[in-house]
Amino acid sequence: MTSPADVPHLTPNQINALVVLMVEARRLTNVELRDLAGFALTGKDNEKLVKLGLVETDRTHRPFSHELTDEGWRVVRQLHTAAPPKQGGSATRSLFVVLSNLHRSLDRLRLSHGDFFKQTDASAPPASEPRHDAPAPAPTSARDVEALVRAAYRDLAGAPGAWVGLADVRDRLVDTDRTALDAALRAMVGRQDVRIIPVANTKSLTPRDRAAAVRIGNEDNHALAIGPA
């Protein structure tokens, strides 16, 4: 079990809210929460999650909307290691069983929670219509950058599928624009042969590792593996 410092004491309703926000991986209004899970995040439950820095609530207009913070993602990923609240009953205990098995499966697949639950393009809101009087966007070189990443990986990895630190990859591609490289890495997550994950033991990370991380699915990722084609 983790210590109280790792996972704060939470009520069943607060836990349910964090889990729903995780699996939806987006900002949800109270109306959407009621439709999806049968409850809204209000009152003391909302106040505590905001005070703990786990949820960001937009109160500028109704219905209020909520989204996990970085700390919220960290805590909800660690819930499976905490003891279920005694007042939660069988439903909450069953949820913890699901979370434990989910964590084990994602660890086996080398997938992060954020990557697993991220919204697909099909569920994203449609893009606005392009302006016909606006200049055409400059062509991107995403494929070229991806090719550079793959070449760097081949040089660094002992074998296909071996884990390589993103810090080492960035060192090989020091002349590549950081924004373009990050965009290429995020795009590569969708490739069947690519895995990009966070390091589970964050205490082992060096400042160099942290600086080289790429933000994907609301969490920093530090390691890259590319399997055989």
C-alpha atoms as a PDB file:
ATOM      1  CA  MET A   1       0.000   0.000   0.000  1.00  0.00           C
ATOM      2  CA  THR A   2       1.109   3.569  -0.613  1.00  0.00           C
ATOM      3  CA  SER A   3       1.478   6.061   2.190  1.00  0.00           C
ATOM      4  CA  PRO A   4      -1.173   8.746   2.899  1.00  0.00           C
ATOM      5  CA  ALA A   5       1.256  11.281   1.405  1.00  0.00           C
ATOM      6  CA  ASP A   6       1.029   9.492  -1.943  1.00  0.00           C
ATOM      7  CA  VAL A   7      -2.780   9.162  -2.081  1.00  0.00           C
ATOM      8  CA  PRO A   8      -4.869  11.544   0.051  1.00  0.00           C
ATOM      9  CA  HIS A   9      -7.907  10.326   1.978  1.00  0.00           C
ATOM     10  CA  LEU A  10     -10.871  10.595  -0.383  1.00  0.00           C
ATOM     11  CA  THR A  11     -14.564   9.778  -0.151  1.00  0.00           C
ATOM     12  CA  PRO A  12     -16.203   7.349  -2.601  1.00  0.00           C
ATOM     13  CA  ASN A  13     -17.805  10.257  -4.491  1.00  0.00           C
ATOM     14  CA  GLN A  14     -14.469  12.048  -4.818  1.00  0.00           C
ATOM     15  CA  ILE A  15     -12.826   8.858  -6.072  1.00  0.00           C
ATOM     16  CA  ASN A  16     -15.624   8.294  -8.573  1.00  0.00           C
ATOM     17  CA  ALA A  17     -15.209  11.839  -9.885  1.00  0.00           C
ATOM     18  CA  LEU A  18     -11.461  11.390 -10.391  1.00  0.00           C
ATOM     19  CA  VAL A  19     -11.943   8.074 -12.177  1.00  0.00           C
ATOM     20  CA  VAL A  20     -14.616   9.423 -14.533  1.00  0.00           C
ATOM     21  CA  LEU A  21     -12.461  12.450 -15.386  1.00  0.00           C
ATOM     22  CA  MET A  22      -9.531  10.105 -16.051  1.00  0.00           C
ATOM     23  CA  VAL A  23     -11.370   7.724 -18.349  1.00  0.00           C
ATOM     24  CA  GLU A  24     -12.951  10.593 -20.289  1.00  0.00           C
ATOM     25  CA  ALA A  25      -9.589  12.425 -20.422  1.00  0.00           C
ATOM     26  CA  ARG A  26     -11.240  15.783 -21.051  1.00  0.00           C
ATOM     27  CA  ARG A  27     -13.048  18.643 -19.343  1.00  0.00           C
ATOM     28  CA  LEU A  28     -16.557  17.615 -18.235  1.00  0.00           C
ATOM     29  CA  THR A  29     -19.463  19.783 -17.199  1.00  0.00           C
ATOM     30  CA  ASN A  30     -21.735  18.805 -14.325  1.00  0.00           C
ATOM     31  CA  VAL A  31     -24.428  18.016 -16.879  1.00  0.00           C
ATOM     32  CA  GLU A  32     -22.084  15.576 -18.629  1.00  0.00           C
ATOM     33  CA  LEU A  33     -21.082  14.018 -15.312  1.00  0.00           C
ATOM     34  CA  ARG A  34     -24.739  13.421 -14.468  1.00  0.00           C
ATOM     35  CA  ASP A  35     -25.371  11.858 -17.878  1.00  0.00           C
ATOM     36  CA  LEU A  36     -22.259   9.662 -17.729  1.00  0.00           C
ATOM     37  CA  ALA A  37     -22.050   8.686 -14.066  1.00  0.00           C
ATOM     38  CA  GLY A  38     -25.256   9.810 -12.381  1.00  0.00           C
ATOM     39  CA  PHE A  39     -23.766  12.567 -10.233  1.00  0.00           C
ATOM     40  CA  ALA A  40     -22.405  16.118 -10.419  1.00  0.00           C
ATOM     41  CA  LEU A  41     -19.203  17.322  -8.771  1.00  0.00           C
ATOM     42  CA  THR A  42     -20.469  19.965  -6.337  1.00  0.00           C
ATOM     43  CA  GLY A  43     -20.264  21.123  -2.737  1.00  0.00           C
ATOM     44  CA  LYS A  44     -17.659  19.738  -0.338  1.00  0.00           C
ATOM     45  CA  ASP A  45     -16.515  17.039  -2.780  1.00  0.00           C
ATOM     46  CA  ASN A  46     -15.650  19.672  -5.371  1.00  0.00           C
ATOM     47  CA  GLU A  47     -14.103  22.002  -2.801  1.00  0.00           C
ATOM     48  CA  LYS A  48     -11.795  19.294  -1.428  1.00  0.00           C
ATOM     49  CA  LEU A  49     -10.588  18.093  -4.838  1.00  0.00           C
ATOM     50  CA  VAL A  50      -9.829  21.680  -5.866  1.00  0.00           C
ATOM     51  CA  LYS A  51      -8.115  22.429  -2.522  1.00  0.00           C
ATOM     52  CA  LEU A  52      -5.938  19.319  -2.924  1.00  0.00           C
ATOM     53  CA  GLY A  53      -4.990  20.483  -6.413  1.00  0.00           C
ATOM     54  CA  LEU A  54      -6.455  17.376  -8.066  1.00  0.00           C
ATOM     55  CA  VAL A  55      -9.198  19.055 -10.097  1.00  0.00           C
ATOM     56  CA  GLU A  56      -9.472  22.395 -11.833  1.00  0.00           C
ATOM     57  CA  THR A  57     -13.030  23.760 -11.835  1.00  0.00           C
ATOM     58  CA  ASP A  58     -14.197  26.504 -14.178  1.00  0.00           C
ATOM     59  CA  ARG A  59     -16.858  28.551 -12.372  1.00  0.00           C
ATOM     60  CA  THR A  60     -17.000  31.386 -14.901  1.00  0.00           C
ATOM     61  CA  HIS A  61     -20.229  30.056 -16.395  1.00  0.00           C
ATOM     62  CA  ARG A  62     -22.828  27.375 -15.766  1.00  0.00           C
ATOM     63  CA  PRO A  63     -22.819  24.475 -15.816  1.00  0.00           C
ATOM     64  CA  PHE A  64     -19.493  24.378 -13.995  1.00  0.00           C
ATOM     65  CA  SER A  65     -16.874  22.198 -15.667  1.00  0.00           C
ATOM     66  CA  HIS A  66     -14.028  20.130 -14.256  1.00  0.00           C
ATOM     67  CA  GLU A  67     -10.725  18.686 -15.446  1.00  0.00           C
ATOM     68  CA  LEU A  68      -7.933  16.691 -13.811  1.00  0.00           C
ATOM     69  CA  THR A  69      -4.752  18.580 -13.008  1.00  0.00           C
ATOM     70  CA  ASP A  70      -1.314  16.998 -13.382  1.00  0.00           C
ATOM     71  CA  GLU A  71      -1.454  16.090  -9.692  1.00  0.00           C
ATOM     72  CA  GLY A  72      -4.946  14.673 -10.211  1.00  0.00           C
ATOM     73  CA  TRP A  73      -3.620  12.383 -12.942  1.00  0.00           C
ATOM     74  CA  ARG A  74      -0.817  11.259 -10.630  1.00  0.00           C
ATOM     75  CA  VAL A  75      -3.162  10.450  -7.764  1.00  0.00           C
ATOM     76  CA  VAL A  76      -5.779   8.640  -9.841  1.00  0.00           C
ATOM     77  CA  ARG A  77      -3.028   6.507 -11.403  1.00  0.00           C
ATOM     78  CA  GLN A  78      -1.988   5.477  -7.878  1.00  0.00           C
ATOM     79  CA  LEU A  79      -5.464   4.727  -6.497  1.00  0.00           C
ATOM     80  CA  HIS A  80      -5.038   1.010  -7.154  1.00  0.00           C
ATOM     81  CA  THR A  81      -2.312   0.887  -4.498  1.00  0.00           C
ATOM     82  CA  ALA A  82      -4.473   2.520  -1.804  1.00  0.00           C
ATOM     83  CA  ALA A  83      -7.006   0.855   0.473  1.00  0.00           C
ATOM     84  CA  PRO A  84     -10.631   1.440  -0.610  1.00  0.00           C
ATOM     85  CA  PRO A  85     -12.563   3.760   1.729  1.00  0.00           C
ATOM     86  CA  LYS A  86     -14.565   1.697   4.242  1.00  0.00           C
ATOM     87  CA  GLN A  87     -17.731   3.694   3.615  1.00  0.00           C
ATOM     88  CA  GLY A  88     -17.663   2.895  -0.086  1.00  0.00           C
ATOM     89  CA  GLY A  89     -19.239  -0.549   0.065  1.00  0.00           C
ATOM     90  CA  SER A  90     -19.031  -3.236  -2.598  1.00  0.00           C
ATOM     91  CA  ALA A  91     -19.304  -0.857  -5.560  1.00  0.00           C
ATOM     92  CA  THR A  92     -16.207   1.097  -4.535  1.00  0.00           C
ATOM     93  CA  ARG A  93     -14.262  -2.071  -3.691  1.00  0.00           C
ATOM     94  CA  SER A  94     -15.148  -3.456  -7.123  1.00  0.00           C
ATOM     95  CA  LEU A  95     -13.901  -0.234  -8.720  1.00  0.00           C
ATOM     96  CA  PHE A  96     -10.545  -0.681  -6.986  1.00  0.00           C
ATOM     97  CA  VAL A  97     -10.317  -4.217  -8.361  1.00  0.00           C
ATOM     98  CA  VAL A  98     -10.863  -2.803 -11.849  1.00  0.00           C
ATOM     99  CA  LEU A  99      -8.210  -0.117 -11.277  1.00  0.00           C
ATOM    100  CA  SER A 100      -5.707  -2.701 -10.055  1.00  0.00           C
ATOM    101  CA  ASN A 101      -6.218  -4.917 -13.095  1.00  0.00           C
ATOM    102  CA  LEU A 102      -6.146  -1.905 -15.407  1.00  0.00           C
ATOM    103  CA  HIS A 103      -2.786  -0.828 -13.992  1.00  0.00           C
ATOM    104  CA  ARG A 104      -1.366  -4.340 -14.389  1.00  0.00           C
ATOM    105  CA  SER A 105      -2.543  -4.560 -17.997  1.00  0.00           C
ATOM    106  CA  LEU A 106      -1.221  -1.123 -18.954  1.00  0.00           C
ATOM    107  CA  ASP A 107       2.112  -1.957 -17.342  1.00  0.00           C
ATOM    108  CA  ARG A 108       2.291  -5.163 -19.382  1.00  0.00           C
ATOM    109  CA  LEU A 109       1.409  -3.292 -22.583  1.00  0.00           C
ATOM    110  CA  ARG A 110       3.811  -0.443 -21.722  1.00  0.00           C
ATOM    111  CA  LEU A 111       1.001   2.093 -22.117  1.00  0.00           C
ATOM    112  CA  SER A 112       0.426   5.136 -19.939  1.00  0.00           C
ATOM    113  CA  HIS A 113      -3.009   5.900 -18.515  1.00  0.00           C
ATOM    114  CA  GLY A 114      -3.101   9.185 -20.416  1.00  0.00           C
ATOM    115  CA  ASP A 115      -2.281   7.503 -23.725  1.00  0.00           C
ATOM    116  CA  PHE A 116      -4.813   4.716 -23.141  1.00  0.00           C
ATOM    117  CA  PHE A 117      -7.691   7.067 -22.327  1.00  0.00           C
ATOM    118  CA  LYS A 118      -6.860   9.951 -24.659  1.00  0.00           C
ATOM    119  CA  GLN A 119      -9.658  11.139 -26.894  1.00  0.00           C
ATOM    120  CA  THR A 120      -9.449   9.994 -30.502  1.00  0.00           C
ATOM    121  CA  ASP A 121      -9.713  12.348 -33.465  1.00  0.00           C
ATOM    122  CA  ALA A 122     -13.201  10.995 -34.132  1.00  0.00           C
ATOM    123  CA  SER A 123     -14.441  12.178 -30.733  1.00  0.00           C
ATOM    124  CA  ALA A 124     -12.754  15.565 -30.908  1.00  0.00           C
ATOM    125  CA  PRO A 125     -14.836  18.579 -31.864  1.00  0.00           C
ATOM    126  CA  PRO A 126     -14.768  19.327 -35.599  1.00  0.00           C
ATOM    127  CA  ALA A 127     -12.262  21.887 -36.755  1.00  0.00           C
ATOM    128  CA  SER A 128     -13.550  25.212 -37.997  1.00  0.00           C
ATOM    129  CA  GLU A 129     -13.847  25.748 -41.728  1.00  0.00           C
ATOM    130  CA  PRO A 130     -10.684  27.207 -43.274  1.00  0.00           C
ATOM    131  CA  ARG A 131     -10.729  30.811 -44.438  1.00  0.00           C
ATOM    132  CA  HIS A 132     -10.450  30.956 -48.196  1.00  0.00           C
ATOM    133  CA  ASP A 133      -8.645  34.285 -48.028  1.00  0.00           C
ATOM    134  CA  ALA A 134      -6.005  33.003 -45.615  1.00  0.00           C
ATOM    135  CA  PRO A 135      -2.658  31.792 -46.901  1.00  0.00           C
ATOM    136  CA  ALA A 136      -2.186  28.049 -47.082  1.00  0.00           C
ATOM    137  CA  PRO A 137      -0.277  26.608 -44.125  1.00  0.00           C
ATOM    138  CA  ALA A 138       3.375  25.900 -44.671  1.00  0.00           C
ATOM    139  CA  PRO A 139       4.073  22.236 -45.406  1.00  0.00           C
ATOM    140  CA  THR A 140       5.279  20.273 -42.402  1.00  0.00           C
ATOM    141  CA  SER A 141       8.130  17.803 -42.297  1.00  0.00           C
ATOM    142  CA  ALA A 142       6.603  15.449 -39.712  1.00  0.00           C
ATOM    143  CA  ARG A 143       7.574  12.388 -41.734  1.00  0.00           C
ATOM    144  CA  ASP A 144      11.156  13.605 -41.996  1.00  0.00           C
ATOM    145  CA  VAL A 145      11.332  14.208 -38.253  1.00  0.00           C
ATOM    146  CA  GLU A 146       9.844  10.781 -37.553  1.00  0.00           C
ATOM    147  CA  ALA A 147      12.463   9.239 -39.827  1.00  0.00           C
ATOM    148  CA  LEU A 148      15.160  11.010 -37.803  1.00  0.00           C
ATOM    149  CA  VAL A 149      13.687   9.684 -34.561  1.00  0.00           C
ATOM    150  CA  ARG A 150      13.599   6.142 -35.916  1.00  0.00           C
ATOM    151  CA  ALA A 151      17.184   6.412 -37.138  1.00  0.00           C
ATOM    152  CA  ALA A 152      18.344   7.729 -33.763  1.00  0.00           C
ATOM    153  CA  TYR A 153      16.477   4.924 -32.012  1.00  0.00           C
ATOM    154  CA  ARG A 154      18.145   2.273 -34.185  1.00  0.00           C
ATOM    155  CA  ASP A 155      21.551   3.701 -33.275  1.00  0.00           C
ATOM    156  CA  LEU A 156      20.766   3.730 -29.556  1.00  0.00           C
ATOM    157  CA  ALA A 157      18.707   0.579 -28.988  1.00  0.00           C
ATOM    158  CA  GLY A 158      20.401  -2.745 -28.429  1.00  0.00           C
ATOM    159  CA  ALA A 159      17.514  -4.519 -30.176  1.00  0.00           C
ATOM    160  CA  PRO A 160      14.062  -3.720 -31.605  1.00  0.00           C
ATOM    161  CA  GLY A 161      11.649  -3.067 -28.760  1.00  0.00           C
ATOM    162  CA  ALA A 162      14.360  -2.099 -26.263  1.00  0.00           C
ATOM    163  CA  TRP A 163      13.680   0.988 -24.146  1.00  0.00           C
ATOM    164  CA  VAL A 164      15.668   4.129 -24.904  1.00  0.00           C
ATOM    165  CA  GLY A 165      15.554   7.349 -22.907  1.00  0.00           C
ATOM    166  CA  LEU A 166      14.168  10.384 -24.722  1.00  0.00           C
ATOM    167  CA  ALA A 167      17.123  12.355 -23.346  1.00  0.00           C
ATOM    168  CA  ASP A 168      19.453  10.207 -25.454  1.00  0.00           C
ATOM    169  CA  VAL A 169      17.209  10.592 -28.504  1.00  0.00           C
ATOM    170  CA  ARG A 170      17.190  14.379 -28.109  1.00  0.00           C
ATOM    171  CA  ASP A 171      20.978  14.402 -27.824  1.00  0.00           C
ATOM    172  CA  ARG A 172      21.175  12.658 -31.197  1.00  0.00           C
ATOM    173  CA  LEU A 173      18.728  15.171 -32.693  1.00  0.00           C
ATOM    174  CA  VAL A 174      20.072  18.327 -31.084  1.00  0.00           C
ATOM    175  CA  ASP A 175      19.711  20.270 -34.343  1.00  0.00           C
ATOM    176  CA  THR A 176      16.037  19.347 -34.714  1.00  0.00           C
ATOM    177  CA  ASP A 177      13.451  21.918 -33.654  1.00  0.00           C
ATOM    178  CA  ARG A 178      12.031  20.978 -30.244  1.00  0.00           C
ATOM    179  CA  THR A 179       8.437  21.743 -31.207  1.00  0.00           C
ATOM    180  CA  ALA A 180       8.693  19.671 -34.388  1.00  0.00           C
ATOM    181  CA  LEU A 181      10.314  16.805 -32.507  1.00  0.00           C
ATOM    182  CA  ASP A 182       7.634  16.811 -29.815  1.00  0.00           C
ATOM    183  CA  ALA A 183       4.915  16.833 -32.470  1.00  0.00           C
ATOM    184  CA  ALA A 184       6.541  13.883 -34.219  1.00  0.00           C
ATOM    185  CA  LEU A 185       6.789  11.909 -30.972  1.00  0.00           C
ATOM    186  CA  ARG A 186       3.118  12.538 -30.178  1.00  0.00           C
ATOM    187  CA  ALA A 187       2.148  11.406 -33.672  1.00  0.00           C
ATOM    188  CA  MET A 188       4.280   8.289 -33.362  1.00  0.00           C
ATOM    189  CA  VAL A 189       2.328   7.133 -30.302  1.00  0.00           C
ATOM    190  CA  GLY A 190      -0.426   6.155 -32.714  1.00  0.00           C
ATOM    191  CA  ARG A 191       1.889   3.829 -34.637  1.00  0.00           C
ATOM    192  CA  GLN A 192       1.439   0.140 -33.890  1.00  0.00           C
ATOM    193  CA  ASP A 193       5.149  -0.456 -33.362  1.00  0.00           C
ATOM    194  CA  VAL A 194       5.807   2.546 -31.087  1.00  0.00           C
ATOM    195  CA  ARG A 195       5.520   2.885 -27.320  1.00  0.00           C
ATOM    196  CA  ILE A 196       6.300   6.078 -25.384  1.00  0.00           C
ATOM    197  CA  ILE A 197       5.802   5.872 -21.626  1.00  0.00           C
ATOM    198  CA  PRO A 198       6.548   7.695 -18.366  1.00  0.00           C
ATOM    199  CA  VAL A 199       9.095   6.257 -15.956  1.00  0.00           C
ATOM    200  CA  ALA A 200       7.210   4.695 -13.038  1.00  0.00           C
ATOM    201  CA  ASN A 201       9.922   5.473 -10.487  1.00  0.00           C
ATOM    202  CA  THR A 202      10.066   9.250 -10.822  1.00  0.00           C
ATOM    203  CA  LYS A 203      12.718   9.449  -8.082  1.00  0.00           C
ATOM    204  CA  SER A 204      15.153   7.812 -10.509  1.00  0.00           C
ATOM    205  CA  LEU A 205      14.768  10.623 -13.050  1.00  0.00           C
ATOM    206  CA  THR A 206      17.636  13.044 -13.491  1.00  0.00           C
ATOM    207  CA  PRO A 207      17.126  16.734 -14.381  1.00  0.00           C
ATOM    208  CA  ARG A 208      18.260  15.754 -17.888  1.00  0.00           C
ATOM    209  CA  ASP A 209      15.500  13.111 -18.108  1.00  0.00           C
ATOM    210  CA  ARG A 210      12.854  15.558 -16.899  1.00  0.00           C
ATOM    211  CA  ALA A 211      13.945  18.235 -19.357  1.00  0.00           C
ATOM    212  CA  ALA A 212      13.758  15.749 -22.240  1.00  0.00           C
ATOM    213  CA  ALA A 213      10.248  14.499 -21.427  1.00  0.00           C
ATOM    214  CA  VAL A 214       7.447  14.897 -23.946  1.00  0.00           C
ATOM    215  CA  ARG A 215       3.958  15.782 -22.710  1.00  0.00           C
ATOM    216  CA  ILE A 216       1.381  13.234 -23.918  1.00  0.00           C
ATOM    217  CA  GLY A 217      -2.038  12.611 -22.380  1.00  0.00           C
ATOM    218  CA  ASN A 218      -1.544  15.024 -19.481  1.00  0.00           C
ATOM    219  CA  GLU A 219       1.669  13.392 -18.278  1.00  0.00           C
ATOM    220  CA  ASP A 220       5.391  13.548 -18.954  1.00  0.00           C
ATOM    221  CA  ASN A 221       6.835  10.607 -20.880  1.00  0.00           C
ATOM    222  CA  HIS A 222      10.505   9.670 -20.765  1.00  0.00           C
ATOM    223  CA  ALA A 223      11.178   6.419 -22.651  1.00  0.00           C
ATOM    224  CA  LEU A 224      10.751   5.237 -26.248  1.00  0.00           C
ATOM    225  CA  ALA A 225      10.554   1.724 -27.695  1.00  0.00           C
ATOM    226  CA  ILE A 226      10.073   0.843 -31.356  1.00  0.00           C
ATOM    227  CA  GLY A 227       9.390  -2.763 -32.206  1.00  0.00           C
ATOM    228  CA  PRO A 228      10.223  -4.599 -35.401  1.00  0.00           C
ATOM    229  CA  ALA A 229       8.347  -3.390 -38.490  1.00  0.00           C
END
